[in-house]
């Protein structure tokens, strides 16, 4: 019997033969993963995707002939397939546009001494089982911006903390793009991403929403209409004045920045004015933080199973009875807007 009969079929797309060979070598160690093909550019990838019908495509962005962004569009329109974008730090600014075009997730290219090798393999196995749908490219116009409230305006009243992991970038886009320019509360996000990718995520989300999105910095105040992204190089919490405090994270922590630490500190600073949202993701980071918000009298929102790419994080919150609202991705923004008036 063929040992690879039920293996995950993977197509690797990168213009560098050395990178393709390295990734093939990594995956060769996994009995339940089989590399069925490789391509050096997006045009080859779109043809291979049609012919080979892989369970997952590992795709670079910067390539000749047809780049990864165009290839993702073609594949998701004609032959929808789970796509994991694996790119270098220098191309991070393009990586999240790939999410808009249908890719499921973005990660940094693994290296020989990579400490996140097992996490990379785990993501491949999770994403290969995701059902994707035909993706039609939408409007890419930038959202108009509004003027940020001055420091002190409506502070320490209500604040929103969002915990998000694998598959969360697309959900964050869906939420923030629906919020109005006069959104009355600050938002702080802990999204599990590779180091060096926070700026790219913030820039991409900033383009999608009328709110201002940026990477959080030390001692920065929380202001209505501003969205702060926790940098993955640090854990983020609020200090005694309710401002951003950046803390080092332990190298042993698989998931960073810590969702639990952010949520718990927002619960402590805002009490019943705290709103916690937990989105798609693996692991259990965020459960204790949502418990802290619930205990403080705040409001909790969890993404539902049907729209979660990976249901584990919201599932644990829901099963623990910690979710006040369980809603679909498309309804999170409207639910959030409503609860802020309570």
C-alpha atoms as a PDB file:
ATOM      1  CA  UNK A   1       0.000   0.000   0.000  1.00  0.00           C
ATOM      2  CA  UNK A   2       1.261   3.499  -0.882  1.00  0.00           C
ATOM      3  CA  UNK A   3       2.255   5.284   2.346  1.00  0.00           C
ATOM      4  CA  UNK A   4       1.426   8.604   0.706  1.00  0.00           C
ATOM      5  CA  UNK A   5      -2.067   7.594  -0.457  1.00  0.00           C
ATOM      6  CA  UNK A   6      -3.819   9.737   2.151  1.00  0.00           C
ATOM      7  CA  UNK A   7      -1.032  12.294   2.547  1.00  0.00           C
ATOM      8  CA  UNK A   8      -1.532  16.045   2.225  1.00  0.00           C
ATOM      9  CA  UNK A   9      -0.632  16.965  -1.361  1.00  0.00           C
ATOM     10  CA  UNK A  10       1.461  20.138  -1.483  1.00  0.00           C
ATOM     11  CA  UNK A  11       2.546  22.344  -4.392  1.00  0.00           C
ATOM     12  CA  UNK A  12       5.562  24.584  -3.711  1.00  0.00           C
ATOM     13  CA  UNK A  13       5.906  27.852  -5.626  1.00  0.00           C
ATOM     14  CA  UNK A  14       9.088  29.951  -5.405  1.00  0.00           C
ATOM     15  CA  UNK A  15      11.410  31.383  -8.036  1.00  0.00           C
ATOM     16  CA  UNK A  16      14.491  30.304  -6.048  1.00  0.00           C
ATOM     17  CA  UNK A  17      15.431  26.618  -6.579  1.00  0.00           C
ATOM     18  CA  UNK A  18      17.362  26.572  -3.295  1.00  0.00           C
ATOM     19  CA  UNK A  19      14.280  27.695  -1.346  1.00  0.00           C
ATOM     20  CA  UNK A  20      12.093  25.106  -3.063  1.00  0.00           C
ATOM     21  CA  UNK A  21      14.649  22.404  -2.310  1.00  0.00           C
ATOM     22  CA  UNK A  22      14.877  23.486   1.325  1.00  0.00           C
ATOM     23  CA  UNK A  23      11.101  23.411   1.861  1.00  0.00           C
ATOM     24  CA  UNK A  24      10.858  20.060   0.074  1.00  0.00           C
ATOM     25  CA  UNK A  25      13.523  18.761   2.459  1.00  0.00           C
ATOM     26  CA  UNK A  26      11.579  19.994   5.485  1.00  0.00           C
ATOM     27  CA  UNK A  27       8.370  18.370   4.318  1.00  0.00           C
ATOM     28  CA  UNK A  28      10.107  15.104   3.396  1.00  0.00           C
ATOM     29  CA  UNK A  29      10.427  14.414   7.126  1.00  0.00           C
ATOM     30  CA  UNK A  30       6.623  14.321   7.444  1.00  0.00           C
ATOM     31  CA  UNK A  31       5.022  10.984   6.557  1.00  0.00           C
ATOM     32  CA  UNK A  32       1.614  12.594   6.068  1.00  0.00           C
ATOM     33  CA  UNK A  33       2.788  15.308   3.647  1.00  0.00           C
ATOM     34  CA  UNK A  34       3.714  14.703   0.006  1.00  0.00           C
ATOM     35  CA  UNK A  35       5.139  17.348  -2.328  1.00  0.00           C
ATOM     36  CA  UNK A  36       3.403  16.664  -5.647  1.00  0.00           C
ATOM     37  CA  UNK A  37       4.920  19.497  -7.644  1.00  0.00           C
ATOM     38  CA  UNK A  38       6.909  22.708  -7.732  1.00  0.00           C
ATOM     39  CA  UNK A  39       6.788  25.882  -9.799  1.00  0.00           C
ATOM     40  CA  UNK A  40       9.165  28.796 -10.349  1.00  0.00           C
ATOM     41  CA  UNK A  41       6.572  31.489 -11.059  1.00  0.00           C
ATOM     42  CA  UNK A  42       2.893  32.262 -10.802  1.00  0.00           C
ATOM     43  CA  UNK A  43       2.056  31.217 -14.339  1.00  0.00           C
ATOM     44  CA  UNK A  44       3.497  27.755 -13.770  1.00  0.00           C
ATOM     45  CA  UNK A  45       1.726  27.617 -10.413  1.00  0.00           C
ATOM     46  CA  UNK A  46      -1.719  28.299 -11.865  1.00  0.00           C
ATOM     47  CA  UNK A  47      -1.225  25.526 -14.436  1.00  0.00           C
ATOM     48  CA  UNK A  48       0.126  23.077 -11.855  1.00  0.00           C
ATOM     49  CA  UNK A  49      -2.731  23.850  -9.472  1.00  0.00           C
ATOM     50  CA  UNK A  50      -5.228  22.878 -12.169  1.00  0.00           C
ATOM     51  CA  UNK A  51      -3.377  19.709 -13.213  1.00  0.00           C
ATOM     52  CA  UNK A  52      -2.268  18.413  -9.803  1.00  0.00           C
ATOM     53  CA  UNK A  53      -5.206  19.495  -7.611  1.00  0.00           C
ATOM     54  CA  UNK A  54      -3.062  19.887  -4.461  1.00  0.00           C
ATOM     55  CA  UNK A  55      -4.549  20.141  -0.968  1.00  0.00           C
ATOM     56  CA  UNK A  56      -2.349  23.163  -0.242  1.00  0.00           C
ATOM     57  CA  UNK A  57      -0.154  25.595  -2.176  1.00  0.00           C
ATOM     58  CA  UNK A  58       2.885  27.165  -0.511  1.00  0.00           C
ATOM     59  CA  UNK A  59       3.386  30.410  -2.445  1.00  0.00           C
ATOM     60  CA  UNK A  60       6.039  33.125  -2.574  1.00  0.00           C
ATOM     61  CA  UNK A  61       5.073  36.666  -3.636  1.00  0.00           C
ATOM     62  CA  UNK A  62       7.961  38.232  -5.601  1.00  0.00           C
ATOM     63  CA  UNK A  63       8.450  36.090  -8.738  1.00  0.00           C
ATOM     64  CA  UNK A  64       9.065  36.704 -12.467  1.00  0.00           C
ATOM     65  CA  UNK A  65       6.581  36.194 -15.335  1.00  0.00           C
ATOM     66  CA  UNK A  66       3.568  36.243 -12.980  1.00  0.00           C
ATOM     67  CA  UNK A  67       3.957  37.237  -9.339  1.00  0.00           C
ATOM     68  CA  UNK A  68       2.290  35.553  -6.398  1.00  0.00           C
ATOM     69  CA  UNK A  69      -0.496  38.120  -6.068  1.00  0.00           C
ATOM     70  CA  UNK A  70      -1.681  37.632  -9.637  1.00  0.00           C
ATOM     71  CA  UNK A  71      -1.301  33.868  -9.346  1.00  0.00           C
ATOM     72  CA  UNK A  72      -3.438  33.800  -6.201  1.00  0.00           C
ATOM     73  CA  UNK A  73      -6.182  35.709  -8.028  1.00  0.00           C
ATOM     74  CA  UNK A  74      -6.096  33.296 -10.970  1.00  0.00           C
ATOM     75  CA  UNK A  75      -6.090  30.195  -8.772  1.00  0.00           C
ATOM     76  CA  UNK A  76      -8.835  31.410  -6.435  1.00  0.00           C
ATOM     77  CA  UNK A  77     -11.069  32.389  -9.357  1.00  0.00           C
ATOM     78  CA  UNK A  78     -10.569  29.232 -11.410  1.00  0.00           C
ATOM     79  CA  UNK A  79      -9.476  26.452  -9.064  1.00  0.00           C
ATOM     80  CA  UNK A  80      -9.943  27.489  -5.395  1.00  0.00           C
ATOM     81  CA  UNK A  81      -7.189  25.929  -3.254  1.00  0.00           C
ATOM     82  CA  UNK A  82      -5.886  26.684   0.256  1.00  0.00           C
ATOM     83  CA  UNK A  83      -2.834  28.944  -0.134  1.00  0.00           C
ATOM     84  CA  UNK A  84      -0.178  29.629   2.494  1.00  0.00           C
ATOM     85  CA  UNK A  85       2.000  32.618   1.602  1.00  0.00           C
ATOM     86  CA  UNK A  86       5.589  32.032   2.689  1.00  0.00           C
ATOM     87  CA  UNK A  87       7.656  35.112   2.027  1.00  0.00           C
ATOM     88  CA  UNK A  88      10.708  37.058   3.110  1.00  0.00           C
ATOM     89  CA  UNK A  89      10.533  39.969   5.543  1.00  0.00           C
ATOM     90  CA  UNK A  90      11.334  42.387   2.702  1.00  0.00           C
ATOM     91  CA  UNK A  91       8.127  41.417   0.901  1.00  0.00           C
ATOM     92  CA  UNK A  92       5.908  41.665   3.985  1.00  0.00           C
ATOM     93  CA  UNK A  93       4.229  44.816   2.639  1.00  0.00           C
ATOM     94  CA  UNK A  94       2.817  42.728  -0.232  1.00  0.00           C
ATOM     95  CA  UNK A  95       1.986  39.654   1.793  1.00  0.00           C
ATOM     96  CA  UNK A  96      -1.263  40.886   3.317  1.00  0.00           C
ATOM     97  CA  UNK A  97      -2.571  41.972  -0.062  1.00  0.00           C
ATOM     98  CA  UNK A  98      -2.354  38.257  -0.839  1.00  0.00           C
ATOM     99  CA  UNK A  99      -4.862  37.677   1.972  1.00  0.00           C
ATOM    100  CA  UNK A 100      -7.253  40.111   0.291  1.00  0.00           C
ATOM    101  CA  UNK A 101      -6.958  38.073  -2.883  1.00  0.00           C
ATOM    102  CA  UNK A 102      -7.735  34.763  -1.228  1.00  0.00           C
ATOM    103  CA  UNK A 103      -4.648  33.416   0.562  1.00  0.00           C
ATOM    104  CA  UNK A 104      -5.421  31.943   3.977  1.00  0.00           C
ATOM    105  CA  UNK A 105      -2.342  32.970   5.926  1.00  0.00           C
ATOM    106  CA  UNK A 106       1.059  34.659   5.745  1.00  0.00           C
ATOM    107  CA  UNK A 107       4.238  33.357   7.387  1.00  0.00           C
ATOM    108  CA  UNK A 108       7.930  34.140   7.190  1.00  0.00           C
ATOM    109  CA  UNK A 109      10.105  31.784   5.167  1.00  0.00           C
ATOM    110  CA  UNK A 110      11.519  29.105   7.463  1.00  0.00           C
ATOM    111  CA  UNK A 111      15.292  28.961   7.884  1.00  0.00           C
ATOM    112  CA  UNK A 112      17.699  26.170   8.725  1.00  0.00           C
ATOM    113  CA  UNK A 113      17.949  27.317  12.338  1.00  0.00           C
ATOM    114  CA  UNK A 114      14.285  28.258  12.545  1.00  0.00           C
ATOM    115  CA  UNK A 115      12.743  27.919  15.997  1.00  0.00           C
ATOM    116  CA  UNK A 116       9.239  27.890  14.516  1.00  0.00           C
ATOM    117  CA  UNK A 117       9.752  24.861  12.266  1.00  0.00           C
ATOM    118  CA  UNK A 118       7.142  22.720  14.032  1.00  0.00           C
ATOM    119  CA  UNK A 119       4.663  25.590  14.005  1.00  0.00           C
ATOM    120  CA  UNK A 120       5.207  25.944  10.242  1.00  0.00           C
ATOM    121  CA  UNK A 121       4.465  22.244   9.722  1.00  0.00           C
ATOM    122  CA  UNK A 122       1.435  22.460  12.025  1.00  0.00           C
ATOM    123  CA  UNK A 123       0.013  25.350   9.989  1.00  0.00           C
ATOM    124  CA  UNK A 124       0.445  23.381   6.776  1.00  0.00           C
ATOM    125  CA  UNK A 125      -1.523  20.475   8.222  1.00  0.00           C
ATOM    126  CA  UNK A 126      -4.292  22.711   9.551  1.00  0.00           C
ATOM    127  CA  UNK A 127      -4.715  24.817   6.413  1.00  0.00           C
ATOM    128  CA  UNK A 128      -4.695  21.838   4.049  1.00  0.00           C
ATOM    129  CA  UNK A 129      -8.040  20.773   5.473  1.00  0.00           C
ATOM    130  CA  UNK A 130      -9.736  24.153   5.084  1.00  0.00           C
ATOM    131  CA  UNK A 131     -12.551  24.424   2.561  1.00  0.00           C
ATOM    132  CA  UNK A 132     -12.095  27.497   0.380  1.00  0.00           C
ATOM    133  CA  UNK A 133     -14.504  29.122  -2.037  1.00  0.00           C
ATOM    134  CA  UNK A 134     -14.149  30.930  -5.337  1.00  0.00           C
ATOM    135  CA  UNK A 135     -12.686  34.365  -4.631  1.00  0.00           C
ATOM    136  CA  UNK A 136     -13.664  37.359  -6.742  1.00  0.00           C
ATOM    137  CA  UNK A 137     -11.391  40.374  -6.363  1.00  0.00           C
ATOM    138  CA  UNK A 138     -13.157  43.270  -4.691  1.00  0.00           C
ATOM    139  CA  UNK A 139     -12.736  47.027  -4.483  1.00  0.00           C
ATOM    140  CA  UNK A 140      -9.191  48.082  -3.549  1.00  0.00           C
ATOM    141  CA  UNK A 141      -9.803  51.774  -2.961  1.00  0.00           C
ATOM    142  CA  UNK A 142      -8.368  53.170   0.239  1.00  0.00           C
ATOM    143  CA  UNK A 143     -10.890  54.036   2.933  1.00  0.00           C
ATOM    144  CA  UNK A 144     -11.096  57.783   3.719  1.00  0.00           C
ATOM    145  CA  UNK A 145      -9.540  58.778   7.033  1.00  0.00           C
ATOM    146  CA  UNK A 146     -10.860  60.959   9.815  1.00  0.00           C
ATOM    147  CA  UNK A 147      -9.093  63.103  12.388  1.00  0.00           C
ATOM    148  CA  UNK A 148      -7.944  61.247  15.497  1.00  0.00           C
ATOM    149  CA  UNK A 149      -9.423  62.403  18.783  1.00  0.00           C
ATOM    150  CA  UNK A 150      -7.084  64.412  21.000  1.00  0.00           C
ATOM    151  CA  UNK A 151      -5.567  62.835  24.074  1.00  0.00           C
ATOM    152  CA  UNK A 152      -7.970  62.823  26.976  1.00  0.00           C
ATOM    153  CA  UNK A 153     -11.108  62.779  24.855  1.00  0.00           C
ATOM    154  CA  UNK A 154     -13.445  59.986  25.976  1.00  0.00           C
ATOM    155  CA  UNK A 155     -10.549  58.090  27.560  1.00  0.00           C
ATOM    156  CA  UNK A 156     -10.915  55.351  30.177  1.00  0.00           C
ATOM    157  CA  UNK A 157     -14.567  54.879  29.265  1.00  0.00           C
ATOM    158  CA  UNK A 158     -14.596  51.907  26.898  1.00  0.00           C
ATOM    159  CA  UNK A 159     -11.932  50.023  24.962  1.00  0.00           C
ATOM    160  CA  UNK A 160     -11.875  47.037  22.632  1.00  0.00           C
ATOM    161  CA  UNK A 161      -9.242  44.283  22.770  1.00  0.00           C
ATOM    162  CA  UNK A 162      -9.091  41.687  19.987  1.00  0.00           C
ATOM    163  CA  UNK A 163      -7.354  38.303  20.231  1.00  0.00           C
ATOM    164  CA  UNK A 164      -6.568  36.697  16.888  1.00  0.00           C
ATOM    165  CA  UNK A 165      -4.361  33.971  15.473  1.00  0.00           C
ATOM    166  CA  UNK A 166      -4.195  31.713  12.414  1.00  0.00           C
ATOM    167  CA  UNK A 167      -6.527  33.054   9.728  1.00  0.00           C
ATOM    168  CA  UNK A 168      -7.241  36.209  11.695  1.00  0.00           C
ATOM    169  CA  UNK A 169      -5.867  38.832   9.311  1.00  0.00           C
ATOM    170  CA  UNK A 170      -8.781  38.453   6.901  1.00  0.00           C
ATOM    171  CA  UNK A 171     -11.297  38.646   9.758  1.00  0.00           C
ATOM    172  CA  UNK A 172      -9.639  41.801  11.094  1.00  0.00           C
ATOM    173  CA  UNK A 173     -10.012  43.319   7.637  1.00  0.00           C
ATOM    174  CA  UNK A 174     -13.705  42.394   7.593  1.00  0.00           C
ATOM    175  CA  UNK A 175     -14.288  43.953  11.018  1.00  0.00           C
ATOM    176  CA  UNK A 176     -12.322  47.179  10.609  1.00  0.00           C
ATOM    177  CA  UNK A 177     -13.563  47.888   7.086  1.00  0.00           C
ATOM    178  CA  UNK A 178     -17.150  47.974   8.404  1.00  0.00           C
ATOM    179  CA  UNK A 179     -16.528  50.390  11.267  1.00  0.00           C
ATOM    180  CA  UNK A 180     -17.479  54.028  10.785  1.00  0.00           C
ATOM    181  CA  UNK A 181     -15.089  56.964  10.951  1.00  0.00           C
ATOM    182  CA  UNK A 182     -16.650  58.143  14.223  1.00  0.00           C
ATOM    183  CA  UNK A 183     -16.110  54.818  16.019  1.00  0.00           C
ATOM    184  CA  UNK A 184     -16.194  55.852  19.698  1.00  0.00           C
ATOM    185  CA  UNK A 185     -13.571  53.599  21.299  1.00  0.00           C
ATOM    186  CA  UNK A 186      -9.912  52.637  20.919  1.00  0.00           C
ATOM    187  CA  UNK A 187      -9.041  49.160  19.635  1.00  0.00           C
ATOM    188  CA  UNK A 188      -5.943  47.141  20.536  1.00  0.00           C
ATOM    189  CA  UNK A 189      -5.161  43.920  18.665  1.00  0.00           C
ATOM    190  CA  UNK A 190      -2.951  40.972  19.583  1.00  0.00           C
ATOM    191  CA  UNK A 191      -2.513  39.005  16.351  1.00  0.00           C
ATOM    192  CA  UNK A 192      -0.118  36.059  16.261  1.00  0.00           C
ATOM    193  CA  UNK A 193       2.251  36.864  13.387  1.00  0.00           C
ATOM    194  CA  UNK A 194       5.906  36.465  12.454  1.00  0.00           C
ATOM    195  CA  UNK A 195       8.359  39.006  13.816  1.00  0.00           C
ATOM    196  CA  UNK A 196       8.847  41.924  11.443  1.00  0.00           C
ATOM    197  CA  UNK A 197       5.382  41.618   9.889  1.00  0.00           C
ATOM    198  CA  UNK A 198       3.398  43.913  12.219  1.00  0.00           C
ATOM    199  CA  UNK A 199       4.139  47.090  10.259  1.00  0.00           C
ATOM    200  CA  UNK A 200       2.941  45.450   7.055  1.00  0.00           C
ATOM    201  CA  UNK A 201      -0.249  44.226   8.744  1.00  0.00           C
ATOM    202  CA  UNK A 202      -0.921  47.688  10.185  1.00  0.00           C
ATOM    203  CA  UNK A 203      -0.355  49.406   6.824  1.00  0.00           C
ATOM    204  CA  UNK A 204      -2.641  46.952   5.052  1.00  0.00           C
ATOM    205  CA  UNK A 205      -5.445  47.325   7.595  1.00  0.00           C
ATOM    206  CA  UNK A 206      -5.000  51.103   7.655  1.00  0.00           C
ATOM    207  CA  UNK A 207      -5.741  51.092   3.926  1.00  0.00           C
ATOM    208  CA  UNK A 208      -8.946  49.125   4.482  1.00  0.00           C
ATOM    209  CA  UNK A 209     -10.620  51.185   7.214  1.00  0.00           C
ATOM    210  CA  UNK A 210     -11.536  54.818   7.915  1.00  0.00           C
ATOM    211  CA  UNK A 211      -9.888  54.372  11.313  1.00  0.00           C
ATOM    212  CA  UNK A 212      -6.157  54.913  11.786  1.00  0.00           C
ATOM    213  CA  UNK A 213      -4.164  51.704  12.261  1.00  0.00           C
ATOM    214  CA  UNK A 214      -0.577  51.598  13.487  1.00  0.00           C
ATOM    215  CA  UNK A 215       1.853  49.449  15.451  1.00  0.00           C
ATOM    216  CA  UNK A 216       1.670  50.154  19.186  1.00  0.00           C
ATOM    217  CA  UNK A 217       4.607  51.997  20.753  1.00  0.00           C
ATOM    218  CA  UNK A 218       5.787  52.426  24.353  1.00  0.00           C
ATOM    219  CA  UNK A 219       3.630  54.779  26.502  1.00  0.00           C
ATOM    220  CA  UNK A 220       1.208  55.436  23.638  1.00  0.00           C
ATOM    221  CA  UNK A 221      -2.289  56.464  24.799  1.00  0.00           C
ATOM    222  CA  UNK A 222      -5.442  54.685  23.658  1.00  0.00           C
ATOM    223  CA  UNK A 223      -7.629  57.070  21.664  1.00  0.00           C
ATOM    224  CA  UNK A 224     -11.072  56.694  20.058  1.00  0.00           C
ATOM    225  CA  UNK A 225     -10.791  55.992  16.348  1.00  0.00           C
ATOM    226  CA  UNK A 226      -7.289  54.552  16.612  1.00  0.00           C
ATOM    227  CA  UNK A 227      -6.375  50.887  16.188  1.00  0.00           C
ATOM    228  CA  UNK A 228      -3.104  49.665  17.694  1.00  0.00           C
ATOM    229  CA  UNK A 229      -1.409  46.439  16.599  1.00  0.00           C
ATOM    230  CA  UNK A 230       0.751  44.689  19.198  1.00  0.00           C
ATOM    231  CA  UNK A 231       4.245  44.084  17.776  1.00  0.00           C
ATOM    232  CA  UNK A 232       5.108  40.352  17.849  1.00  0.00           C
ATOM    233  CA  UNK A 233       8.561  41.176  19.221  1.00  0.00           C
ATOM    234  CA  UNK A 234       6.876  42.175  22.496  1.00  0.00           C
ATOM    235  CA  UNK A 235       3.942  41.399  24.719  1.00  0.00           C
ATOM    236  CA  UNK A 236       1.601  44.352  25.163  1.00  0.00           C
ATOM    237  CA  UNK A 237      -0.372  45.429  28.202  1.00  0.00           C
ATOM    238  CA  UNK A 238      -1.736  48.697  29.587  1.00  0.00           C
ATOM    239  CA  UNK A 239       0.154  50.522  32.338  1.00  0.00           C
ATOM    240  CA  UNK A 240      -1.411  52.196  35.394  1.00  0.00           C
ATOM    241  CA  UNK A 241      -2.366  55.216  33.283  1.00  0.00           C
ATOM    242  CA  UNK A 242      -4.009  53.084  30.615  1.00  0.00           C
ATOM    243  CA  UNK A 243      -1.198  53.637  28.110  1.00  0.00           C
ATOM    244  CA  UNK A 244       0.662  51.015  26.091  1.00  0.00           C
ATOM    245  CA  UNK A 245       3.429  49.133  27.857  1.00  0.00           C
ATOM    246  CA  UNK A 246       5.750  46.925  25.792  1.00  0.00           C
ATOM    247  CA  UNK A 247       7.219  43.922  27.576  1.00  0.00           C
ATOM    248  CA  UNK A 248       9.691  41.255  26.427  1.00  0.00           C
ATOM    249  CA  UNK A 249       8.180  37.871  25.694  1.00  0.00           C
ATOM    250  CA  UNK A 250       9.702  34.562  26.692  1.00  0.00           C
ATOM    251  CA  UNK A 251      11.403  32.783  23.755  1.00  0.00           C
ATOM    252  CA  UNK A 252       9.645  29.630  24.924  1.00  0.00           C
ATOM    253  CA  UNK A 253       6.219  31.127  24.188  1.00  0.00           C
ATOM    254  CA  UNK A 254       4.953  29.669  20.904  1.00  0.00           C
ATOM    255  CA  UNK A 255       2.257  32.304  20.453  1.00  0.00           C
ATOM    256  CA  UNK A 256       3.144  35.969  20.637  1.00  0.00           C
ATOM    257  CA  UNK A 257       2.200  38.680  21.230  1.00  0.00           C
ATOM    258  CA  UNK A 258       0.192  37.301  24.151  1.00  0.00           C
ATOM    259  CA  UNK A 259      -3.571  37.624  23.760  1.00  0.00           C
ATOM    260  CA  UNK A 260      -4.127  36.747  27.421  1.00  0.00           C
ATOM    261  CA  UNK A 261      -1.851  39.511  28.694  1.00  0.00           C
ATOM    262  CA  UNK A 262      -3.477  42.178  26.510  1.00  0.00           C
ATOM    263  CA  UNK A 263      -7.058  41.166  27.328  1.00  0.00           C
ATOM    264  CA  UNK A 264      -6.396  40.918  31.064  1.00  0.00           C
ATOM    265  CA  UNK A 265      -4.774  44.351  31.205  1.00  0.00           C
ATOM    266  CA  UNK A 266      -7.667  45.951  29.304  1.00  0.00           C
ATOM    267  CA  UNK A 267     -10.047  44.263  31.763  1.00  0.00           C
ATOM    268  CA  UNK A 268      -8.075  45.716  34.669  1.00  0.00           C
ATOM    269  CA  UNK A 269      -7.915  49.233  33.196  1.00  0.00           C
ATOM    270  CA  UNK A 270     -11.457  49.540  31.822  1.00  0.00           C
ATOM    271  CA  UNK A 271     -13.452  47.111  34.009  1.00  0.00           C
ATOM    272  CA  UNK A 272     -17.064  47.017  32.741  1.00  0.00           C
ATOM    273  CA  UNK A 273     -16.047  49.258  29.843  1.00  0.00           C
ATOM    274  CA  UNK A 274     -13.818  46.520  28.411  1.00  0.00           C
ATOM    275  CA  UNK A 275     -14.932  44.655  25.296  1.00  0.00           C
ATOM    276  CA  UNK A 276     -13.053  41.471  24.378  1.00  0.00           C
ATOM    277  CA  UNK A 277     -13.255  39.763  21.002  1.00  0.00           C
ATOM    278  CA  UNK A 278     -11.704  36.386  20.224  1.00  0.00           C
ATOM    279  CA  UNK A 279     -11.262  35.290  16.630  1.00  0.00           C
ATOM    280  CA  UNK A 280     -10.094  32.256  14.691  1.00  0.00           C
ATOM    281  CA  UNK A 281      -6.913  30.556  15.854  1.00  0.00           C
ATOM    282  CA  UNK A 282      -5.184  27.500  17.238  1.00  0.00           C
ATOM    283  CA  UNK A 283      -4.030  27.035  20.804  1.00  0.00           C
ATOM    284  CA  UNK A 284      -5.690  28.464  23.907  1.00  0.00           C
ATOM    285  CA  UNK A 285      -4.178  31.940  24.116  1.00  0.00           C
ATOM    286  CA  UNK A 286      -6.932  34.426  24.931  1.00  0.00           C
ATOM    287  CA  UNK A 287      -9.138  32.183  27.066  1.00  0.00           C
ATOM    288  CA  UNK A 288      -7.813  33.482  30.403  1.00  0.00           C
ATOM    289  CA  UNK A 289      -7.944  37.041  29.093  1.00  0.00           C
ATOM    290  CA  UNK A 290     -11.582  36.706  28.048  1.00  0.00           C
ATOM    291  CA  UNK A 291     -12.302  35.255  31.485  1.00  0.00           C
ATOM    292  CA  UNK A 292     -10.741  38.378  33.030  1.00  0.00           C
ATOM    293  CA  UNK A 293     -12.941  40.670  30.932  1.00  0.00           C
ATOM    294  CA  UNK A 294     -16.033  38.670  31.853  1.00  0.00           C
ATOM    295  CA  UNK A 295     -15.106  38.803  35.557  1.00  0.00           C
ATOM    296  CA  UNK A 296     -14.589  42.577  35.347  1.00  0.00           C
ATOM    297  CA  UNK A 297     -18.129  43.058  34.039  1.00  0.00           C
ATOM    298  CA  UNK A 298     -17.070  43.701  30.455  1.00  0.00           C
ATOM    299  CA  UNK A 299     -18.591  42.307  27.265  1.00  0.00           C
ATOM    300  CA  UNK A 300     -17.214  39.346  25.320  1.00  0.00           C
ATOM    301  CA  UNK A 301     -17.680  38.410  21.664  1.00  0.00           C
ATOM    302  CA  UNK A 302     -16.535  35.160  20.007  1.00  0.00           C
ATOM    303  CA  UNK A 303     -16.402  34.293  16.318  1.00  0.00           C
ATOM    304  CA  UNK A 304     -18.668  31.375  15.465  1.00  0.00           C
ATOM    305  CA  UNK A 305     -17.581  27.946  14.256  1.00  0.00           C
ATOM    306  CA  UNK A 306     -19.004  28.310  10.757  1.00  0.00           C
ATOM    307  CA  UNK A 307     -16.803  31.289   9.852  1.00  0.00           C
ATOM    308  CA  UNK A 308     -13.658  30.471  11.856  1.00  0.00           C
ATOM    309  CA  UNK A 309     -10.769  29.197   9.767  1.00  0.00           C
ATOM    310  CA  UNK A 310      -9.442  27.428  12.880  1.00  0.00           C
ATOM    311  CA  UNK A 311     -12.097  27.169  15.591  1.00  0.00           C
ATOM    312  CA  UNK A 312      -9.995  26.247  18.645  1.00  0.00           C
ATOM    313  CA  UNK A 313      -9.542  29.648  20.332  1.00  0.00           C
ATOM    314  CA  UNK A 314     -13.181  30.770  20.109  1.00  0.00           C
ATOM    315  CA  UNK A 315     -14.369  27.221  20.836  1.00  0.00           C
ATOM    316  CA  UNK A 316     -12.605  27.139  24.199  1.00  0.00           C
ATOM    317  CA  UNK A 317     -14.099  30.508  25.156  1.00  0.00           C
ATOM    318  CA  UNK A 318     -17.594  29.457  24.099  1.00  0.00           C
ATOM    319  CA  UNK A 319     -17.414  26.062  25.818  1.00  0.00           C
ATOM    320  CA  UNK A 320     -16.275  27.771  29.039  1.00  0.00           C
ATOM    321  CA  UNK A 321     -19.411  29.927  28.946  1.00  0.00           C
ATOM    322  CA  UNK A 322     -17.376  33.115  28.554  1.00  0.00           C
ATOM    323  CA  UNK A 323     -18.947  34.478  25.344  1.00  0.00           C
ATOM    324  CA  UNK A 324     -21.810  36.972  25.626  1.00  0.00           C
ATOM    325  CA  UNK A 325     -22.208  37.002  21.840  1.00  0.00           C
ATOM    326  CA  UNK A 326     -21.326  34.269  19.317  1.00  0.00           C
ATOM    327  CA  UNK A 327     -21.436  35.750  15.835  1.00  0.00           C
ATOM    328  CA  UNK A 328     -20.358  35.225  12.232  1.00  0.00           C
ATOM    329  CA  UNK A 329     -17.394  37.114  10.797  1.00  0.00           C
ATOM    330  CA  UNK A 330     -19.623  39.486   8.832  1.00  0.00           C
ATOM    331  CA  UNK A 331     -21.632  40.416  11.953  1.00  0.00           C
ATOM    332  CA  UNK A 332     -18.805  41.115  14.399  1.00  0.00           C
ATOM    333  CA  UNK A 333     -18.488  44.796  13.471  1.00  0.00           C
ATOM    334  CA  UNK A 334     -22.215  45.510  13.824  1.00  0.00           C
ATOM    335  CA  UNK A 335     -22.357  43.585  17.110  1.00  0.00           C
ATOM    336  CA  UNK A 336     -19.384  45.554  18.415  1.00  0.00           C
ATOM    337  CA  UNK A 337     -20.978  48.859  17.443  1.00  0.00           C
ATOM    338  CA  UNK A 338     -24.201  47.893  19.230  1.00  0.00           C
ATOM    339  CA  UNK A 339     -22.562  46.752  22.476  1.00  0.00           C
ATOM    340  CA  UNK A 340     -20.649  50.014  22.782  1.00  0.00           C
ATOM    341  CA  UNK A 341     -23.997  51.764  23.244  1.00  0.00           C
ATOM    342  CA  UNK A 342     -25.027  49.498  26.144  1.00  0.00           C
END
